[in-house]
Amino acid sequence: MRLRAGVVVFPGSNCDRDLYYALERAGFVPQFLWHEMSRLPALEAVFLPGGFSYGDYLRAGAIARFAPVMDAIAEFWRRGGFVMGICNGFQVLVEAGWLPGALRRNANGRFLCRVVEVEPFGEGPLAPYIGGRRYRLPIAHAEGRYVPAQVLPEWGLRYVPLPAPNGSYAAIAGFANPSGTVVGLMPHPERACDPYQGSCDGLDFLRGIARYLEKK
């Protein structure tokens, strides 16, 4: 059975179609989820894409966390479903309190748009499926500097080489909760999933996620 994946569309999402295309290439069967939905269809995964949900008018991700679909997604992952947030989607997950810590303004105060390298660190459910290599992925954010809570993540991605381009603590570019059900990352794998984009590392990353979910 092919994995069914929902791609949430908030007002201001601008990577939803890119992510839909990338998920198709990675072996998923994607469908869009409108932010006003109160119930989810049968799915194996939900993805929150990048963009500027609600225009980032208050703070990146701070308004989107109150969208009706978020209650349905919360119930989904607490029953064992898989949720991933990319860039603005990561910011939404942190604002919702599903991942600890905070994402603050980049250390240099500027919007960063460039290709970076990240590598997995630590141990966790995702480690066997996304590990042992570096990934070249684009970043495009102004508020991606990770500030941790009291406990550092057990598994995640870090920028290499040091220092992190945005000043993230411990060079953290993304991480998962201990159960591997909620994952957030600032780099955009969907922007590195086809040779015309200059790299297929993002496609390899998403295929690793697919293998993980198939084993689950």
N, C-alpha and C. Protein backbone atom coordinates (compact mmCIF):
# COMPACT_ATOMS: atom_id res chain seq x y z
N MET A 1 0.84 -1.20 0.00
CA MET A 1 0.00 0.00 0.00
C MET A 1 0.87 1.25 0.00
N ARG A 2 0.59 2.18 -0.89
CA ARG A 2 1.32 3.44 -0.91
C ARG A 2 0.86 4.32 0.24
N LEU A 3 1.78 5.08 0.78
CA LEU A 3 1.51 5.91 1.95
C LEU A 3 0.69 7.14 1.56
N ARG A 4 -0.38 7.38 2.30
CA ARG A 4 -1.24 8.53 2.06
C ARG A 4 -0.77 9.70 2.92
N ALA A 5 -0.53 10.84 2.29
CA ALA A 5 0.02 11.99 2.99
C ALA A 5 -0.82 13.23 2.74
N GLY A 6 -1.11 13.97 3.80
CA GLY A 6 -1.81 15.23 3.69
C GLY A 6 -0.84 16.39 3.72
N VAL A 7 -1.06 17.41 2.87
CA VAL A 7 -0.26 18.63 2.85
C VAL A 7 -1.18 19.77 3.25
N VAL A 8 -0.94 20.35 4.41
CA VAL A 8 -1.80 21.40 4.93
C VAL A 8 -1.58 22.70 4.15
N VAL A 9 -2.68 23.37 3.82
CA VAL A 9 -2.61 24.66 3.12
C VAL A 9 -3.19 25.73 4.03
N PHE A 10 -2.33 26.61 4.52
CA PHE A 10 -2.75 27.78 5.29
C PHE A 10 -2.80 28.99 4.35
N PRO A 11 -3.52 30.04 4.70
CA PRO A 11 -3.37 31.29 3.96
C PRO A 11 -1.91 31.77 4.07
N GLY A 12 -1.24 31.88 2.96
CA GLY A 12 0.17 32.27 2.98
C GLY A 12 1.14 31.13 2.72
N SER A 13 0.66 29.88 2.71
CA SER A 13 1.56 28.77 2.35
C SER A 13 2.04 28.97 0.91
N ASN A 14 3.33 28.78 0.67
CA ASN A 14 3.82 28.94 -0.71
C ASN A 14 4.71 27.78 -1.17
N CYS A 15 4.82 26.74 -0.34
CA CYS A 15 5.60 25.57 -0.74
C CYS A 15 4.73 24.33 -0.81
N ASP A 16 3.41 24.51 -0.74
CA ASP A 16 2.52 23.37 -0.69
C ASP A 16 2.56 22.55 -1.98
N ARG A 17 2.57 23.20 -3.14
CA ARG A 17 2.60 22.47 -4.41
C ARG A 17 3.97 21.83 -4.65
N ASP A 18 5.02 22.52 -4.26
CA ASP A 18 6.36 21.93 -4.35
C ASP A 18 6.44 20.65 -3.52
N LEU A 19 5.88 20.72 -2.32
CA LEU A 19 5.92 19.58 -1.42
C LEU A 19 5.06 18.44 -1.96
N TYR A 20 3.92 18.76 -2.52
CA TYR A 20 3.04 17.75 -3.13
C TYR A 20 3.81 16.98 -4.21
N TYR A 21 4.50 17.72 -5.08
CA TYR A 21 5.29 17.10 -6.15
C TYR A 21 6.40 16.23 -5.59
N ALA A 22 7.11 16.74 -4.57
CA ALA A 22 8.22 15.98 -3.98
C ALA A 22 7.72 14.70 -3.31
N LEU A 23 6.59 14.78 -2.62
CA LEU A 23 6.05 13.60 -1.97
C LEU A 23 5.63 12.54 -2.98
N GLU A 24 5.05 12.97 -4.10
CA GLU A 24 4.71 12.03 -5.17
C GLU A 24 5.96 11.30 -5.64
N ARG A 25 7.03 12.04 -5.86
CA ARG A 25 8.27 11.44 -6.33
C ARG A 25 8.87 10.49 -5.30
N ALA A 26 8.60 10.76 -4.01
CA ALA A 26 9.16 9.92 -2.95
C ALA A 26 8.31 8.69 -2.67
N GLY A 27 7.18 8.55 -3.38
CA GLY A 27 6.37 7.35 -3.24
C GLY A 27 5.10 7.51 -2.44
N PHE A 28 4.79 8.73 -2.01
CA PHE A 28 3.55 8.98 -1.27
C PHE A 28 2.39 9.24 -2.25
N VAL A 29 1.18 9.16 -1.72
CA VAL A 29 -0.02 9.60 -2.43
C VAL A 29 -0.52 10.84 -1.68
N PRO A 30 -0.15 12.05 -2.14
CA PRO A 30 -0.49 13.26 -1.38
C PRO A 30 -1.87 13.82 -1.71
N GLN A 31 -2.40 14.58 -0.78
CA GLN A 31 -3.62 15.35 -1.00
C GLN A 31 -3.54 16.60 -0.14
N PHE A 32 -4.18 17.67 -0.60
CA PHE A 32 -4.17 18.92 0.14
C PHE A 32 -5.19 18.88 1.27
N LEU A 33 -4.85 19.51 2.40
CA LEU A 33 -5.73 19.65 3.55
C LEU A 33 -5.93 21.14 3.81
N TRP A 34 -7.14 21.62 3.67
CA TRP A 34 -7.43 23.04 3.88
C TRP A 34 -7.41 23.35 5.38
N HIS A 35 -6.93 24.52 5.73
CA HIS A 35 -6.71 24.88 7.13
C HIS A 35 -7.99 24.91 7.96
N GLU A 36 -9.16 25.00 7.32
CA GLU A 36 -10.43 25.04 8.05
C GLU A 36 -11.04 23.66 8.28
N MET A 37 -10.38 22.61 7.82
CA MET A 37 -10.89 21.25 8.04
C MET A 37 -10.87 20.92 9.53
N SER A 38 -11.91 20.26 10.00
CA SER A 38 -11.96 19.84 11.41
C SER A 38 -11.75 18.34 11.57
N ARG A 39 -11.77 17.59 10.45
CA ARG A 39 -11.53 16.16 10.48
C ARG A 39 -10.58 15.80 9.34
N LEU A 40 -9.74 14.81 9.59
CA LEU A 40 -8.78 14.37 8.57
C LEU A 40 -9.29 13.12 7.87
N PRO A 41 -8.97 12.97 6.59
CA PRO A 41 -9.23 11.69 5.93
C PRO A 41 -8.24 10.64 6.42
N ALA A 42 -8.38 9.42 5.96
CA ALA A 42 -7.44 8.36 6.34
C ALA A 42 -6.06 8.68 5.78
N LEU A 43 -5.08 8.80 6.64
CA LEU A 43 -3.73 9.19 6.25
C LEU A 43 -2.70 8.43 7.08
N GLU A 44 -1.50 8.33 6.52
CA GLU A 44 -0.35 7.82 7.28
C GLU A 44 0.56 8.96 7.74
N ALA A 45 0.47 10.13 7.09
CA ALA A 45 1.36 11.25 7.43
C ALA A 45 0.70 12.57 7.08
N VAL A 46 1.09 13.59 7.82
CA VAL A 46 0.66 14.97 7.55
C VAL A 46 1.90 15.85 7.48
N PHE A 47 1.97 16.70 6.46
CA PHE A 47 3.10 17.61 6.27
C PHE A 47 2.61 19.06 6.30
N LEU A 48 3.31 19.89 7.06
CA LEU A 48 3.03 21.33 7.10
C LEU A 48 4.12 22.02 6.28
N PRO A 49 3.78 22.69 5.18
CA PRO A 49 4.79 23.22 4.27
C PRO A 49 5.32 24.58 4.71
N GLY A 50 6.30 25.03 3.96
CA GLY A 50 6.86 26.36 4.19
C GLY A 50 5.98 27.45 3.61
N GLY A 51 6.34 28.67 3.94
CA GLY A 51 5.59 29.83 3.47
C GLY A 51 5.50 30.88 4.56
N PHE A 52 4.42 31.63 4.55
CA PHE A 52 4.21 32.70 5.52
C PHE A 52 2.76 32.62 6.00
N SER A 53 2.45 31.56 6.77
CA SER A 53 1.07 31.34 7.19
C SER A 53 0.52 32.58 7.88
N TYR A 54 -0.64 33.01 7.40
CA TYR A 54 -1.30 34.21 7.92
C TYR A 54 -0.37 35.43 7.88
N GLY A 55 0.54 35.42 6.91
CA GLY A 55 1.43 36.55 6.70
C GLY A 55 2.47 36.76 7.77
N ASP A 56 2.61 35.82 8.71
CA ASP A 56 3.55 36.00 9.83
C ASP A 56 3.29 37.32 10.55
N TYR A 57 2.03 37.77 10.56
CA TYR A 57 1.73 39.11 11.08
C TYR A 57 2.02 39.24 12.57
N LEU A 58 1.78 38.20 13.34
CA LEU A 58 2.07 38.26 14.76
C LEU A 58 3.48 37.77 15.03
N ARG A 59 3.73 36.54 14.64
CA ARG A 59 5.04 35.88 14.77
C ARG A 59 4.94 34.63 13.93
N ALA A 60 6.02 34.21 13.33
CA ALA A 60 5.97 33.08 12.40
C ALA A 60 5.34 31.86 13.07
N GLY A 61 4.23 31.39 12.51
CA GLY A 61 3.55 30.21 13.01
C GLY A 61 2.59 30.45 14.16
N ALA A 62 2.58 31.66 14.72
CA ALA A 62 1.80 31.91 15.94
C ALA A 62 0.30 31.92 15.71
N ILE A 63 -0.16 32.32 14.53
CA ILE A 63 -1.59 32.35 14.24
C ILE A 63 -2.04 30.99 13.71
N ALA A 64 -1.23 30.38 12.87
CA ALA A 64 -1.60 29.10 12.26
C ALA A 64 -1.86 28.02 13.30
N ARG A 65 -1.22 28.11 14.45
CA ARG A 65 -1.40 27.09 15.48
C ARG A 65 -2.86 27.00 15.94
N PHE A 66 -3.65 28.06 15.70
CA PHE A 66 -5.05 28.08 16.13
C PHE A 66 -6.02 27.66 15.02
N ALA A 67 -5.51 27.30 13.84
CA ALA A 67 -6.38 26.88 12.75
C ALA A 67 -7.14 25.62 13.14
N PRO A 68 -8.40 25.47 12.69
CA PRO A 68 -9.19 24.28 13.04
C PRO A 68 -8.50 22.96 12.73
N VAL A 69 -7.75 22.91 11.62
CA VAL A 69 -7.12 21.63 11.25
C VAL A 69 -6.08 21.19 12.27
N MET A 70 -5.56 22.12 13.05
CA MET A 70 -4.51 21.76 14.01
C MET A 70 -5.04 20.85 15.12
N ASP A 71 -6.29 21.02 15.52
CA ASP A 71 -6.86 20.12 16.52
C ASP A 71 -6.94 18.69 15.97
N ALA A 72 -7.34 18.57 14.71
CA ALA A 72 -7.42 17.25 14.09
C ALA A 72 -6.04 16.62 13.96
N ILE A 73 -5.03 17.45 13.62
CA ILE A 73 -3.67 16.93 13.48
C ILE A 73 -3.11 16.52 14.83
N ALA A 74 -3.44 17.28 15.88
CA ALA A 74 -2.98 16.93 17.23
C ALA A 74 -3.51 15.55 17.62
N GLU A 75 -4.79 15.31 17.38
CA GLU A 75 -5.37 14.00 17.68
C GLU A 75 -4.70 12.91 16.84
N PHE A 76 -4.38 13.24 15.59
CA PHE A 76 -3.76 12.29 14.67
C PHE A 76 -2.41 11.81 15.18
N TRP A 77 -1.51 12.74 15.55
CA TRP A 77 -0.18 12.30 15.95
C TRP A 77 -0.17 11.72 17.36
N ARG A 78 -1.09 12.14 18.20
CA ARG A 78 -1.14 11.56 19.54
C ARG A 78 -1.65 10.13 19.52
N ARG A 79 -2.30 9.74 18.42
CA ARG A 79 -2.69 8.34 18.22
C ARG A 79 -1.63 7.57 17.45
N GLY A 80 -0.47 8.20 17.20
CA GLY A 80 0.63 7.51 16.55
C GLY A 80 0.88 7.91 15.12
N GLY A 81 0.09 8.86 14.58
CA GLY A 81 0.32 9.34 13.22
C GLY A 81 1.60 10.16 13.14
N PHE A 82 2.09 10.35 11.92
CA PHE A 82 3.36 11.05 11.70
C PHE A 82 3.10 12.45 11.15
N VAL A 83 3.77 13.45 11.74
CA VAL A 83 3.63 14.84 11.31
C VAL A 83 5.01 15.44 11.10
N MET A 84 5.19 16.11 9.97
CA MET A 84 6.44 16.83 9.70
C MET A 84 6.14 18.26 9.29
N GLY A 85 6.85 19.21 9.88
CA GLY A 85 6.75 20.61 9.51
C GLY A 85 8.05 21.09 8.91
N ILE A 86 7.97 21.76 7.77
CA ILE A 86 9.15 22.25 7.06
C ILE A 86 9.14 23.77 7.07
N CYS A 87 10.22 24.38 7.55
CA CYS A 87 10.40 25.83 7.62
C CYS A 87 9.24 26.47 8.39
N ASN A 88 8.31 27.15 7.72
CA ASN A 88 7.19 27.73 8.44
C ASN A 88 6.38 26.66 9.15
N GLY A 89 6.31 25.46 8.56
CA GLY A 89 5.64 24.35 9.22
C GLY A 89 6.32 23.97 10.52
N PHE A 90 7.65 24.01 10.57
CA PHE A 90 8.42 23.79 11.79
C PHE A 90 8.06 24.85 12.82
N GLN A 91 7.98 26.10 12.38
CA GLN A 91 7.63 27.19 13.28
C GLN A 91 6.24 26.98 13.88
N VAL A 92 5.31 26.48 13.07
CA VAL A 92 3.95 26.20 13.56
C VAL A 92 4.00 25.10 14.63
N LEU A 93 4.77 24.04 14.40
CA LEU A 93 4.86 22.95 15.37
C LEU A 93 5.42 23.42 16.70
N VAL A 94 6.41 24.30 16.65
CA VAL A 94 7.00 24.84 17.88
C VAL A 94 6.01 25.76 18.59
N GLU A 95 5.33 26.62 17.83
CA GLU A 95 4.35 27.52 18.42
C GLU A 95 3.20 26.73 19.07
N ALA A 96 2.86 25.59 18.48
CA ALA A 96 1.79 24.76 19.03
C ALA A 96 2.23 24.01 20.28
N GLY A 97 3.53 23.99 20.57
CA GLY A 97 4.05 23.28 21.72
C GLY A 97 4.25 21.80 21.49
N TRP A 98 4.18 21.37 20.22
CA TRP A 98 4.36 19.95 19.92
C TRP A 98 5.84 19.58 19.87
N LEU A 99 6.69 20.56 19.65
CA LEU A 99 8.14 20.41 19.75
C LEU A 99 8.65 21.48 20.70
N PRO A 100 9.61 21.16 21.57
CA PRO A 100 10.06 22.12 22.58
C PRO A 100 11.02 23.17 22.01
N GLY A 101 11.14 24.28 22.74
CA GLY A 101 12.06 25.34 22.34
C GLY A 101 11.36 26.45 21.59
N ALA A 102 12.17 27.23 20.86
CA ALA A 102 11.64 28.36 20.11
C ALA A 102 12.50 28.61 18.88
N LEU A 103 11.92 29.26 17.88
CA LEU A 103 12.65 29.66 16.68
C LEU A 103 12.65 31.18 16.62
N ARG A 104 13.83 31.75 16.69
CA ARG A 104 13.98 33.20 16.79
C ARG A 104 14.60 33.78 15.52
N ARG A 105 14.67 35.10 15.49
CA ARG A 105 15.27 35.81 14.36
C ARG A 105 16.70 35.34 14.15
N ASN A 106 17.10 35.18 12.89
CA ASN A 106 18.47 34.78 12.59
C ASN A 106 19.47 35.69 13.29
N ALA A 107 20.59 35.13 13.67
CA ALA A 107 21.58 35.88 14.45
C ALA A 107 22.06 37.13 13.73
N ASN A 108 22.15 37.09 12.39
CA ASN A 108 22.61 38.27 11.65
C ASN A 108 21.47 39.22 11.31
N GLY A 109 20.24 38.88 11.72
CA GLY A 109 19.10 39.75 11.49
C GLY A 109 18.60 39.77 10.06
N ARG A 110 19.12 38.88 9.22
CA ARG A 110 18.77 38.89 7.80
C ARG A 110 18.05 37.62 7.38
N PHE A 111 17.29 37.75 6.30
CA PHE A 111 16.68 36.59 5.67
C PHE A 111 17.77 35.81 4.95
N LEU A 112 17.84 34.51 5.19
CA LEU A 112 18.86 33.66 4.59
C LEU A 112 18.24 32.80 3.49
N CYS A 113 18.85 32.81 2.32
CA CYS A 113 18.40 31.99 1.20
C CYS A 113 19.64 31.42 0.53
N ARG A 114 19.95 30.16 0.84
CA ARG A 114 21.16 29.54 0.32
C ARG A 114 21.07 28.04 0.49
N VAL A 115 22.02 27.33 -0.10
CA VAL A 115 22.10 25.88 0.07
C VAL A 115 23.07 25.59 1.21
N VAL A 116 22.67 24.69 2.10
CA VAL A 116 23.49 24.32 3.24
C VAL A 116 23.68 22.80 3.25
N GLU A 117 24.56 22.35 4.11
CA GLU A 117 24.70 20.92 4.37
C GLU A 117 24.25 20.63 5.78
N VAL A 118 23.52 19.54 5.94
CA VAL A 118 23.11 19.09 7.27
C VAL A 118 23.43 17.61 7.40
N GLU A 119 23.62 17.18 8.64
CA GLU A 119 23.86 15.76 8.91
C GLU A 119 23.05 15.34 10.12
N PRO A 120 22.58 14.10 10.15
CA PRO A 120 21.83 13.61 11.31
C PRO A 120 22.74 13.47 12.53
N PHE A 121 22.14 13.62 13.71
CA PHE A 121 22.86 13.38 14.96
C PHE A 121 21.95 12.63 15.93
N GLY A 122 22.56 11.91 16.87
CA GLY A 122 21.83 11.29 17.95
C GLY A 122 21.16 9.99 17.58
N GLU A 123 20.35 9.50 18.53
CA GLU A 123 19.65 8.23 18.39
C GLU A 123 18.15 8.46 18.53
N GLY A 124 17.38 7.68 17.79
CA GLY A 124 15.93 7.78 17.85
C GLY A 124 15.32 6.90 16.79
N PRO A 125 13.98 6.82 16.74
CA PRO A 125 13.32 5.93 15.78
C PRO A 125 13.68 6.19 14.32
N LEU A 126 14.00 7.44 13.97
CA LEU A 126 14.29 7.77 12.59
C LEU A 126 15.73 7.50 12.19
N ALA A 127 16.61 7.33 13.17
CA ALA A 127 18.05 7.23 12.90
C ALA A 127 18.41 6.15 11.88
N PRO A 128 17.81 4.94 11.92
CA PRO A 128 18.20 3.92 10.94
C PRO A 128 17.81 4.25 9.50
N TYR A 129 16.89 5.18 9.32
CA TYR A 129 16.37 5.48 7.99
C TYR A 129 16.91 6.78 7.41
N ILE A 130 17.36 7.67 8.29
CA ILE A 130 17.95 8.94 7.84
C ILE A 130 19.23 9.12 8.62
N GLY A 131 20.30 8.59 8.11
CA GLY A 131 21.56 8.67 8.82
C GLY A 131 22.70 8.20 7.95
N GLY A 132 23.91 8.41 8.46
CA GLY A 132 25.09 7.93 7.77
C GLY A 132 25.53 8.77 6.59
N ARG A 133 24.94 9.94 6.40
CA ARG A 133 25.34 10.79 5.27
C ARG A 133 24.93 12.23 5.53
N ARG A 134 25.47 13.12 4.72
CA ARG A 134 25.07 14.52 4.74
C ARG A 134 24.08 14.80 3.61
N TYR A 135 23.27 15.83 3.81
CA TYR A 135 22.28 16.25 2.81
C TYR A 135 22.51 17.72 2.45
N ARG A 136 22.54 17.99 1.15
CA ARG A 136 22.61 19.38 0.66
C ARG A 136 21.18 19.85 0.38
N LEU A 137 20.72 20.82 1.18
CA LEU A 137 19.34 21.29 1.09
C LEU A 137 19.30 22.81 1.16
N PRO A 138 18.33 23.44 0.50
CA PRO A 138 18.19 24.89 0.59
C PRO A 138 17.53 25.32 1.90
N ILE A 139 17.90 26.50 2.36
CA ILE A 139 17.17 27.16 3.44
C ILE A 139 16.65 28.49 2.91
N ALA A 140 15.56 28.97 3.49
CA ALA A 140 14.98 30.28 3.11
C ALA A 140 14.13 30.74 4.29
N HIS A 141 14.76 31.44 5.24
CA HIS A 141 14.02 31.86 6.43
C HIS A 141 14.67 33.06 7.09
N ALA A 142 13.85 33.77 7.86
CA ALA A 142 14.34 34.88 8.67
C ALA A 142 14.30 34.54 10.15
N GLU A 143 13.45 33.57 10.53
CA GLU A 143 13.31 33.18 11.93
C GLU A 143 13.55 31.68 12.06
N GLY A 144 14.82 31.29 11.96
CA GLY A 144 15.15 29.87 12.02
C GLY A 144 16.19 29.53 13.07
N ARG A 145 16.55 30.50 13.88
CA ARG A 145 17.58 30.28 14.92
C ARG A 145 16.94 29.53 16.09
N TYR A 146 17.33 28.26 16.24
CA TYR A 146 16.72 27.44 17.27
C TYR A 146 17.28 27.75 18.66
N VAL A 147 16.38 27.97 19.59
CA VAL A 147 16.71 28.18 21.00
C VAL A 147 16.08 27.02 21.77
N PRO A 148 16.86 26.21 22.47
CA PRO A 148 16.31 24.99 23.07
C PRO A 148 15.52 25.25 24.35
N ALA A 149 14.73 24.24 24.71
CA ALA A 149 14.13 24.19 26.03
C ALA A 149 15.17 23.59 26.98
N GLN A 150 14.75 23.04 28.08
CA GLN A 150 15.72 22.56 29.08
C GLN A 150 16.48 21.32 28.61
N VAL A 151 15.83 20.50 27.78
CA VAL A 151 16.45 19.25 27.33
C VAL A 151 16.69 19.32 25.82
N LEU A 152 17.89 18.97 25.38
CA LEU A 152 18.20 18.98 23.95
C LEU A 152 17.56 17.77 23.26
N PRO A 153 17.25 17.90 21.97
CA PRO A 153 16.66 16.77 21.23
C PRO A 153 17.58 15.55 21.22
N GLU A 154 16.96 14.35 21.19
CA GLU A 154 17.72 13.12 21.14
C GLU A 154 18.18 12.80 19.72
N TRP A 155 17.39 13.20 18.72
CA TRP A 155 17.73 12.96 17.32
C TRP A 155 17.32 14.16 16.49
N GLY A 156 18.16 14.50 15.52
CA GLY A 156 17.82 15.61 14.64
C GLY A 156 18.84 15.81 13.55
N LEU A 157 18.81 17.00 12.97
CA LEU A 157 19.74 17.41 11.93
C LEU A 157 20.50 18.64 12.41
N ARG A 158 21.79 18.70 12.08
CA ARG A 158 22.57 19.89 12.43
C ARG A 158 23.31 20.40 11.20
N TYR A 159 23.54 21.70 11.20
CA TYR A 159 24.27 22.33 10.10
C TYR A 159 25.75 21.97 10.20
N VAL A 160 26.35 21.70 9.04
CA VAL A 160 27.80 21.46 8.97
C VAL A 160 28.34 22.23 7.75
N PRO A 161 29.55 22.77 7.86
CA PRO A 161 30.37 22.86 9.07
C PRO A 161 29.87 23.96 10.00
N LEU A 162 30.42 24.01 11.19
CA LEU A 162 30.08 25.06 12.14
C LEU A 162 30.72 26.37 11.70
N PRO A 163 30.17 27.53 12.10
CA PRO A 163 28.96 27.69 12.90
C PRO A 163 27.71 27.60 12.03
N ALA A 164 26.55 27.47 12.65
CA ALA A 164 25.29 27.43 11.92
C ALA A 164 25.07 28.78 11.24
N PRO A 165 24.56 28.79 10.01
CA PRO A 165 24.38 30.05 9.29
C PRO A 165 23.41 31.01 9.96
N ASN A 166 22.46 30.48 10.73
CA ASN A 166 21.47 31.34 11.39
C ASN A 166 21.71 31.52 12.88
N GLY A 167 22.78 30.90 13.40
CA GLY A 167 23.11 31.03 14.82
C GLY A 167 22.39 30.06 15.73
N SER A 168 21.77 29.00 15.18
CA SER A 168 21.03 28.03 15.99
C SER A 168 21.92 27.42 17.07
N TYR A 169 21.33 27.21 18.23
CA TYR A 169 22.05 26.56 19.32
C TYR A 169 22.45 25.16 18.89
N ALA A 170 23.71 24.80 19.16
CA ALA A 170 24.25 23.48 18.80
C ALA A 170 24.08 23.17 17.32
N ALA A 171 23.93 24.23 16.51
CA ALA A 171 23.79 24.11 15.04
C ALA A 171 22.58 23.28 14.64
N ILE A 172 21.53 23.26 15.48
CA ILE A 172 20.36 22.43 15.21
C ILE A 172 19.55 23.01 14.05
N ALA A 173 19.31 22.16 13.03
CA ALA A 173 18.52 22.54 11.86
C ALA A 173 17.14 21.91 11.88
N GLY A 174 16.94 20.92 12.74
CA GLY A 174 15.66 20.24 12.85
C GLY A 174 15.80 19.09 13.82
N PHE A 175 14.65 18.56 14.28
CA PHE A 175 14.70 17.44 15.21
C PHE A 175 13.32 16.80 15.32
N ALA A 176 13.31 15.65 15.98
CA ALA A 176 12.08 14.89 16.20
C ALA A 176 11.79 14.79 17.69
N ASN A 177 10.52 14.55 18.01
CA ASN A 177 10.20 14.23 19.40
C ASN A 177 10.69 12.81 19.71
N PRO A 178 10.76 12.43 20.98
CA PRO A 178 11.35 11.12 21.31
C PRO A 178 10.66 9.94 20.65
N SER A 179 9.35 10.02 20.41
CA SER A 179 8.63 8.90 19.80
C SER A 179 8.73 8.87 18.28
N GLY A 180 9.32 9.91 17.68
CA GLY A 180 9.47 9.95 16.23
C GLY A 180 8.17 10.22 15.50
N THR A 181 7.18 10.80 16.18
CA THR A 181 5.90 11.08 15.54
C THR A 181 5.77 12.52 15.05
N VAL A 182 6.60 13.43 15.58
CA VAL A 182 6.57 14.83 15.16
C VAL A 182 7.99 15.26 14.83
N VAL A 183 8.18 15.78 13.61
CA VAL A 183 9.50 16.19 13.13
C VAL A 183 9.40 17.59 12.55
N GLY A 184 10.36 18.44 12.88
CA GLY A 184 10.43 19.77 12.29
C GLY A 184 11.82 20.04 11.76
N LEU A 185 11.92 20.74 10.65
CA LEU A 185 13.23 21.11 10.10
C LEU A 185 13.11 22.41 9.32
N MET A 186 14.16 23.21 9.36
CA MET A 186 14.17 24.47 8.62
C MET A 186 14.56 24.30 7.15
N PRO A 187 15.51 23.43 6.79
CA PRO A 187 15.82 23.24 5.36
C PRO A 187 14.63 22.66 4.59
N HIS A 188 14.63 22.89 3.28
CA HIS A 188 13.54 22.49 2.39
C HIS A 188 13.92 21.26 1.55
N PRO A 189 13.58 20.04 1.96
CA PRO A 189 13.87 18.89 1.11
C PRO A 189 13.10 18.93 -0.20
N GLU A 190 11.91 19.54 -0.21
CA GLU A 190 11.10 19.58 -1.45
C GLU A 190 11.74 20.45 -2.53
N ARG A 191 12.72 21.26 -2.17
CA ARG A 191 13.41 22.09 -3.15
C ARG A 191 14.70 21.44 -3.63
N ALA A 192 14.89 20.18 -3.29
CA ALA A 192 16.06 19.43 -3.75
C ALA A 192 15.62 18.01 -4.06
N CYS A 193 14.68 17.89 -4.98
CA CYS A 193 14.11 16.56 -5.27
C CYS A 193 14.09 16.25 -6.76
N ASP A 194 14.82 17.02 -7.54
CA ASP A 194 14.83 16.82 -8.98
C ASP A 194 16.15 17.36 -9.54
N PRO A 195 16.75 16.71 -10.54
CA PRO A 195 18.03 17.21 -11.07
C PRO A 195 17.99 18.67 -11.51
N TYR A 196 16.83 19.14 -12.00
CA TYR A 196 16.79 20.53 -12.45
C TYR A 196 16.92 21.51 -11.28
N GLN A 197 16.70 21.03 -10.06
CA GLN A 197 16.88 21.86 -8.88
C GLN A 197 18.32 21.86 -8.38
N GLY A 198 19.16 21.05 -9.00
CA GLY A 198 20.57 21.03 -8.65
C GLY A 198 20.95 19.97 -7.64
N SER A 199 19.97 19.28 -7.06
CA SER A 199 20.26 18.23 -6.07
C SER A 199 19.03 17.37 -5.89
N CYS A 200 19.26 16.08 -5.62
CA CYS A 200 18.17 15.16 -5.28
C CYS A 200 18.30 14.69 -3.83
N ASP A 201 19.10 15.38 -3.03
CA ASP A 201 19.28 14.99 -1.64
C ASP A 201 17.96 15.04 -0.88
N GLY A 202 17.12 16.02 -1.20
CA GLY A 202 15.83 16.13 -0.52
C GLY A 202 14.93 14.95 -0.82
N LEU A 203 15.01 14.45 -2.06
CA LEU A 203 14.23 13.28 -2.42
C LEU A 203 14.70 12.05 -1.63
N ASP A 204 16.01 11.91 -1.48
CA ASP A 204 16.55 10.82 -0.67
C ASP A 204 16.06 10.93 0.77
N PHE A 205 16.02 12.15 1.28
CA PHE A 205 15.55 12.38 2.65
C PHE A 205 14.09 11.96 2.80
N LEU A 206 13.24 12.39 1.88
CA LEU A 206 11.82 12.04 1.94
C LEU A 206 11.59 10.55 1.73
N ARG A 207 12.40 9.92 0.91
CA ARG A 207 12.30 8.47 0.74
C ARG A 207 12.69 7.74 2.02
N GLY A 208 13.63 8.32 2.77
CA GLY A 208 13.96 7.76 4.08
C GLY A 208 12.78 7.84 5.03
N ILE A 209 12.05 8.95 4.99
CA ILE A 209 10.84 9.09 5.79
C ILE A 209 9.81 8.04 5.38
N ALA A 210 9.67 7.82 4.07
CA ALA A 210 8.72 6.80 3.58
C ALA A 210 9.10 5.41 4.09
N ARG A 211 10.38 5.08 4.06
CA ARG A 211 10.82 3.76 4.56
C ARG A 211 10.51 3.62 6.05
N TYR A 212 10.72 4.68 6.78
CA TYR A 212 10.42 4.68 8.21
C TYR A 212 8.95 4.41 8.46
N LEU A 213 8.08 5.08 7.71
CA LEU A 213 6.63 4.91 7.90
C LEU A 213 6.17 3.54 7.44
N GLU A 214 6.78 3.00 6.40
CA GLU A 214 6.42 1.65 5.97
C GLU A 214 6.73 0.62 7.03
N LYS A 215 7.85 0.80 7.74
CA LYS A 215 8.22 -0.13 8.80
C LYS A 215 7.30 0.03 10.01
N LYS A 216 6.84 1.28 10.25
CA LYS A 216 5.91 1.51 11.35
C LYS A 216 4.60 0.76 11.15
